[in-house]
Amino acid sequence: MKLQKPKNVTFIISLVLAGLGVLGTLVSIPVISGLAFWLVVAGYVLLALGNLLKGL
């Protein structure tokens, strides 16, 4: 299996998702706090897919 470099857009989106998840854990934000764990998971899954799939 050969890993690819994710596109900058993919990296930025995954960083924003993970950042929102961490922020939702630290600060009580009505919509984000309930989904904080899943936002972090989605960010890291997106980053992993960006590494595994060409063109993402």
PDB file of N, CA and C in Angstrom:
ATOM      1  N   MET A   1       0.851  -1.166   0.000  1.00  0.00           N
ATOM      2  CA  MET A   1       0.000   0.000   0.000  1.00  0.00           C
ATOM      3  C   MET A   1       0.902   1.235   0.000  1.00  0.00           C
ATOM      4  N   LYS A   2       0.658   2.103  -0.944  1.00  0.00           N
ATOM      5  CA  LYS A   2       1.430   3.327  -1.054  1.00  0.00           C
ATOM      6  C   LYS A   2       0.567   4.493  -0.587  1.00  0.00           C
ATOM      7  N   LEU A   3       1.098   5.276   0.333  1.00  0.00           N
ATOM      8  CA  LEU A   3       0.364   6.424   0.845  1.00  0.00           C
ATOM      9  C   LEU A   3       0.585   7.629  -0.055  1.00  0.00           C
ATOM     10  N   GLN A   4      -0.451   8.433  -0.172  1.00  0.00           N
ATOM     11  CA  GLN A   4      -0.422   9.643  -0.989  1.00  0.00           C
ATOM     12  C   GLN A   4      -0.448  10.867  -0.076  1.00  0.00           C
ATOM     13  N   LYS A   5       0.027  11.959  -0.587  1.00  0.00           N
ATOM     14  CA  LYS A   5      -0.077  13.225   0.126  1.00  0.00           C
ATOM     15  C   LYS A   5      -1.497  13.762  -0.072  1.00  0.00           C
ATOM     16  N   PRO A   6      -2.221  14.076   1.017  1.00  0.00           N
ATOM     17  CA  PRO A   6      -3.568  14.630   0.827  1.00  0.00           C
ATOM     18  C   PRO A   6      -3.491  16.046   0.255  1.00  0.00           C
ATOM     19  N   LYS A   7      -4.528  16.426  -0.454  1.00  0.00           N
ATOM     20  CA  LYS A   7      -4.587  17.790  -0.978  1.00  0.00           C
ATOM     21  C   LYS A   7      -4.698  18.771   0.186  1.00  0.00           C
ATOM     22  N   ASN A   8      -4.331  19.990  -0.064  1.00  0.00           N
ATOM     23  CA  ASN A   8      -4.381  21.016   0.978  1.00  0.00           C
ATOM     24  C   ASN A   8      -5.799  21.233   1.493  1.00  0.00           C
ATOM     25  N   VAL A   9      -6.773  21.196   0.597  1.00  0.00           N
ATOM     26  CA  VAL A   9      -8.174  21.389   0.987  1.00  0.00           C
ATOM     27  C   VAL A   9      -8.617  20.268   1.932  1.00  0.00           C
ATOM     28  N   THR A  10      -8.236  19.032   1.632  1.00  0.00           N
ATOM     29  CA  THR A  10      -8.582  17.899   2.482  1.00  0.00           C
ATOM     30  C   THR A  10      -7.958  18.047   3.857  1.00  0.00           C
ATOM     31  N   PHE A  11      -6.705  18.466   3.891  1.00  0.00           N
ATOM     32  CA  PHE A  11      -6.018  18.653   5.160  1.00  0.00           C
ATOM     33  C   PHE A  11      -6.668  19.762   5.983  1.00  0.00           C
ATOM     34  N   ILE A  12      -7.008  20.877   5.349  1.00  0.00           N
ATOM     35  CA  ILE A  12      -7.626  22.011   6.050  1.00  0.00           C
ATOM     36  C   ILE A  12      -8.989  21.624   6.599  1.00  0.00           C
ATOM     37  N   ILE A  13      -9.811  20.924   5.805  1.00  0.00           N
ATOM     38  CA  ILE A  13     -11.134  20.517   6.260  1.00  0.00           C
ATOM     39  C   ILE A  13     -11.023  19.560   7.443  1.00  0.00           C
ATOM     40  N   SER A  14     -10.093  18.606   7.374  1.00  0.00           N
ATOM     41  CA  SER A  14      -9.928  17.675   8.493  1.00  0.00           C
ATOM     42  C   SER A  14      -9.430  18.401   9.734  1.00  0.00           C
ATOM     43  N   LEU A  15      -8.562  19.385   9.556  1.00  0.00           N
ATOM     44  CA  LEU A  15      -8.074  20.174  10.682  1.00  0.00           C
ATOM     45  C   LEU A  15      -9.195  20.988  11.320  1.00  0.00           C
ATOM     46  N   VAL A  16     -10.060  21.569  10.509  1.00  0.00           N
ATOM     47  CA  VAL A  16     -11.194  22.350  11.025  1.00  0.00           C
ATOM     48  C   VAL A  16     -12.167  21.444  11.781  1.00  0.00           C
ATOM     49  N   LEU A  17     -12.467  20.275  11.223  1.00  0.00           N
ATOM     50  CA  LEU A  17     -13.378  19.346  11.902  1.00  0.00           C
ATOM     51  C   LEU A  17     -12.823  18.901  13.254  1.00  0.00           C
ATOM     52  N   ALA A  18     -11.552  18.530  13.279  1.00  0.00           N
ATOM     53  CA  ALA A  18     -10.942  18.101  14.532  1.00  0.00           C
ATOM     54  C   ALA A  18     -10.867  19.260  15.520  1.00  0.00           C
ATOM     55  N   GLY A  19     -10.554  20.449  15.034  1.00  0.00           N
ATOM     56  CA  GLY A  19     -10.503  21.631  15.902  1.00  0.00           C
ATOM     57  C   GLY A  19     -11.852  21.969  16.495  1.00  0.00           C
ATOM     58  N   LEU A  20     -12.910  21.872  15.695  1.00  0.00           N
ATOM     59  CA  LEU A  20     -14.254  22.120  16.209  1.00  0.00           C
ATOM     60  C   LEU A  20     -14.649  21.087  17.254  1.00  0.00           C
ATOM     61  N   GLY A  21     -14.239  19.845  17.045  1.00  0.00           N
ATOM     62  CA  GLY A  21     -14.526  18.804  18.026  1.00  0.00           C
ATOM     63  C   GLY A  21     -13.838  19.054  19.353  1.00  0.00           C
ATOM     64  N   VAL A  22     -12.580  19.452  19.304  1.00  0.00           N
ATOM     65  CA  VAL A  22     -11.855  19.764  20.541  1.00  0.00           C
ATOM     66  C   VAL A  22     -12.444  20.996  21.204  1.00  0.00           C
ATOM     67  N   LEU A  23     -12.771  22.000  20.425  1.00  0.00           N
ATOM     68  CA  LEU A  23     -13.387  23.211  20.970  1.00  0.00           C
ATOM     69  C   LEU A  23     -14.745  22.909  21.597  1.00  0.00           C
ATOM     70  N   GLY A  24     -15.512  22.037  20.964  1.00  0.00           N
ATOM     71  CA  GLY A  24     -16.814  21.653  21.509  1.00  0.00           C
ATOM     72  C   GLY A  24     -16.699  20.888  22.812  1.00  0.00           C
ATOM     73  N   THR A  25     -15.564  20.230  23.036  1.00  0.00           N
ATOM     74  CA  THR A  25     -15.339  19.532  24.294  1.00  0.00           C
ATOM     75  C   THR A  25     -14.957  20.520  25.396  1.00  0.00           C
ATOM     76  N   LEU A  26     -14.173  21.515  25.058  1.00  0.00           N
ATOM     77  CA  LEU A  26     -13.667  22.448  26.062  1.00  0.00           C
ATOM     78  C   LEU A  26     -14.660  23.548  26.418  1.00  0.00           C
ATOM     79  N   VAL A  27     -15.450  23.984  25.433  1.00  0.00           N
ATOM     80  CA  VAL A  27     -16.404  25.080  25.620  1.00  0.00           C
ATOM     81  C   VAL A  27     -17.789  24.565  25.280  1.00  0.00           C
ATOM     82  N   SER A  28     -18.772  24.947  26.069  1.00  0.00           N
ATOM     83  CA  SER A  28     -20.136  24.486  25.825  1.00  0.00           C
ATOM     84  C   SER A  28     -20.772  25.288  24.684  1.00  0.00           C
ATOM     85  N   ILE A  29     -20.828  24.669  23.510  1.00  0.00           N
ATOM     86  CA  ILE A  29     -21.467  25.254  22.334  1.00  0.00           C
ATOM     87  C   ILE A  29     -22.645  24.335  21.995  1.00  0.00           C
ATOM     88  N   PRO A  30     -23.866  24.853  21.945  1.00  0.00           N
ATOM     89  CA  PRO A  30     -25.056  23.996  21.852  1.00  0.00           C
ATOM     90  C   PRO A  30     -25.017  22.929  20.754  1.00  0.00           C
ATOM     91  N   VAL A  31     -24.705  23.278  19.544  1.00  0.00           N
ATOM     92  CA  VAL A  31     -24.766  22.315  18.450  1.00  0.00           C
ATOM     93  C   VAL A  31     -23.499  21.461  18.400  1.00  0.00           C
ATOM     94  N   ILE A  32     -22.368  22.070  18.598  1.00  0.00           N
ATOM     95  CA  ILE A  32     -21.093  21.387  18.420  1.00  0.00           C
ATOM     96  C   ILE A  32     -20.758  20.468  19.584  1.00  0.00           C
ATOM     97  N   SER A  33     -21.110  20.838  20.799  1.00  0.00           N
ATOM     98  CA  SER A  33     -20.722  20.046  21.966  1.00  0.00           C
ATOM     99  C   SER A  33     -21.313  18.642  21.949  1.00  0.00           C
ATOM    100  N   GLY A  34     -22.504  18.482  21.439  1.00  0.00           N
ATOM    101  CA  GLY A  34     -23.117  17.162  21.362  1.00  0.00           C
ATOM    102  C   GLY A  34     -22.477  16.265  20.312  1.00  0.00           C
ATOM    103  N   LEU A  35     -21.841  16.870  19.335  1.00  0.00           N
ATOM    104  CA  LEU A  35     -21.224  16.120  18.243  1.00  0.00           C
ATOM    105  C   LEU A  35     -19.700  16.152  18.286  1.00  0.00           C
ATOM    106  N   ALA A  36     -19.119  16.594  19.386  1.00  0.00           N
ATOM    107  CA  ALA A  36     -17.676  16.826  19.455  1.00  0.00           C
ATOM    108  C   ALA A  36     -16.874  15.577  19.119  1.00  0.00           C
ATOM    109  N   PHE A  37     -17.233  14.456  19.705  1.00  0.00           N
ATOM    110  CA  PHE A  37     -16.496  13.215  19.450  1.00  0.00           C
ATOM    111  C   PHE A  37     -16.557  12.848  17.976  1.00  0.00           C
ATOM    112  N   TRP A  38     -17.732  12.940  17.379  1.00  0.00           N
ATOM    113  CA  TRP A  38     -17.901  12.536  15.985  1.00  0.00           C
ATOM    114  C   TRP A  38     -17.230  13.504  15.026  1.00  0.00           C
ATOM    115  N   LEU A  39     -17.118  14.770  15.407  1.00  0.00           N
ATOM    116  CA  LEU A  39     -16.387  15.719  14.570  1.00  0.00           C
ATOM    117  C   LEU A  39     -14.899  15.370  14.515  1.00  0.00           C
ATOM    118  N   VAL A  40     -14.336  14.990  15.660  1.00  0.00           N
ATOM    119  CA  VAL A  40     -12.930  14.593  15.693  1.00  0.00           C
ATOM    120  C   VAL A  40     -12.726  13.316  14.885  1.00  0.00           C
ATOM    121  N   VAL A  41     -13.624  12.355  15.046  1.00  0.00           N
ATOM    122  CA  VAL A  41     -13.522  11.104  14.286  1.00  0.00           C
ATOM    123  C   VAL A  41     -13.625  11.389  12.789  1.00  0.00           C
ATOM    124  N   ALA A  42     -14.568  12.230  12.393  1.00  0.00           N
ATOM    125  CA  ALA A  42     -14.744  12.548  10.973  1.00  0.00           C
ATOM    126  C   ALA A  42     -13.501  13.248  10.415  1.00  0.00           C
ATOM    127  N   GLY A  43     -12.902  14.126  11.199  1.00  0.00           N
ATOM    128  CA  GLY A  43     -11.695  14.809  10.752  1.00  0.00           C
ATOM    129  C   GLY A  43     -10.549  13.848  10.510  1.00  0.00           C
ATOM    130  N   TYR A  44     -10.345  12.916  11.434  1.00  0.00           N
ATOM    131  CA  TYR A  44      -9.242  11.973  11.276  1.00  0.00           C
ATOM    132  C   TYR A  44      -9.529  10.916  10.209  1.00  0.00           C
ATOM    133  N   VAL A  45     -10.779  10.529  10.044  1.00  0.00           N
ATOM    134  CA  VAL A  45     -11.127   9.599   8.963  1.00  0.00           C
ATOM    135  C   VAL A  45     -10.906  10.278   7.609  1.00  0.00           C
ATOM    136  N   LEU A  46     -11.287  11.525   7.498  1.00  0.00           N
ATOM    137  CA  LEU A  46     -11.063  12.263   6.256  1.00  0.00           C
ATOM    138  C   LEU A  46      -9.569  12.379   5.953  1.00  0.00           C
ATOM    139  N   LEU A  47      -8.778  12.639   6.974  1.00  0.00           N
ATOM    140  CA  LEU A  47      -7.337  12.724   6.772  1.00  0.00           C
ATOM    141  C   LEU A  47      -6.752  11.368   6.366  1.00  0.00           C
ATOM    142  N   ALA A  48      -7.224  10.305   6.973  1.00  0.00           N
ATOM    143  CA  ALA A  48      -6.754   8.965   6.611  1.00  0.00           C
ATOM    144  C   ALA A  48      -7.143   8.626   5.176  1.00  0.00           C
ATOM    145  N   LEU A  49      -8.372   8.966   4.788  1.00  0.00           N
ATOM    146  CA  LEU A  49      -8.797   8.704   3.413  1.00  0.00           C
ATOM    147  C   LEU A  49      -7.993   9.549   2.420  1.00  0.00           C
ATOM    148  N   GLY A  50      -7.645  10.761   2.816  1.00  0.00           N
ATOM    149  CA  GLY A  50      -6.812  11.597   1.962  1.00  0.00           C
ATOM    150  C   GLY A  50      -5.436  10.994   1.745  1.00  0.00           C
ATOM    151  N   ASN A  51      -4.941  10.257   2.730  1.00  0.00           N
ATOM    152  CA  ASN A  51      -3.653   9.595   2.582  1.00  0.00           C
ATOM    153  C   ASN A  51      -3.762   8.316   1.766  1.00  0.00           C
ATOM    154  N   LEU A  52      -4.879   7.621   1.868  1.00  0.00           N
ATOM    155  CA  LEU A  52      -5.029   6.319   1.217  1.00  0.00           C
ATOM    156  C   LEU A  52      -5.530   6.411  -0.231  1.00  0.00           C
ATOM    157  N   LEU A  53      -6.380   7.368  -0.530  1.00  0.00           N
ATOM    158  CA  LEU A  53      -6.988   7.476  -1.853  1.00  0.00           C
ATOM    159  C   LEU A  53      -6.322   8.571  -2.676  1.00  0.00           C
ATOM    160  N   LYS A  54      -6.035   8.254  -3.904  1.00  0.00           N
ATOM    161  CA  LYS A  54      -5.391   9.235  -4.780  1.00  0.00           C
ATOM    162  C   LYS A  54      -6.433  10.255  -5.240  1.00  0.00           C
ATOM    163  N   GLY A  55      -6.080  11.519  -5.160  1.00  0.00           N
ATOM    164  CA  GLY A  55      -6.949  12.581  -5.638  1.00  0.00           C
ATOM    165  C   GLY A  55      -7.905  13.136  -4.605  1.00  0.00           C
ATOM    166  N   LEU A  56      -7.788  12.702  -3.358  1.00  0.00           N
ATOM    167  CA  LEU A  56      -8.708  13.224  -2.328  1.00  0.00           C
ATOM    168  C   LEU A  56      -7.968  14.166  -1.430  1.00  0.00           C
TER     169      LEU A  56
END
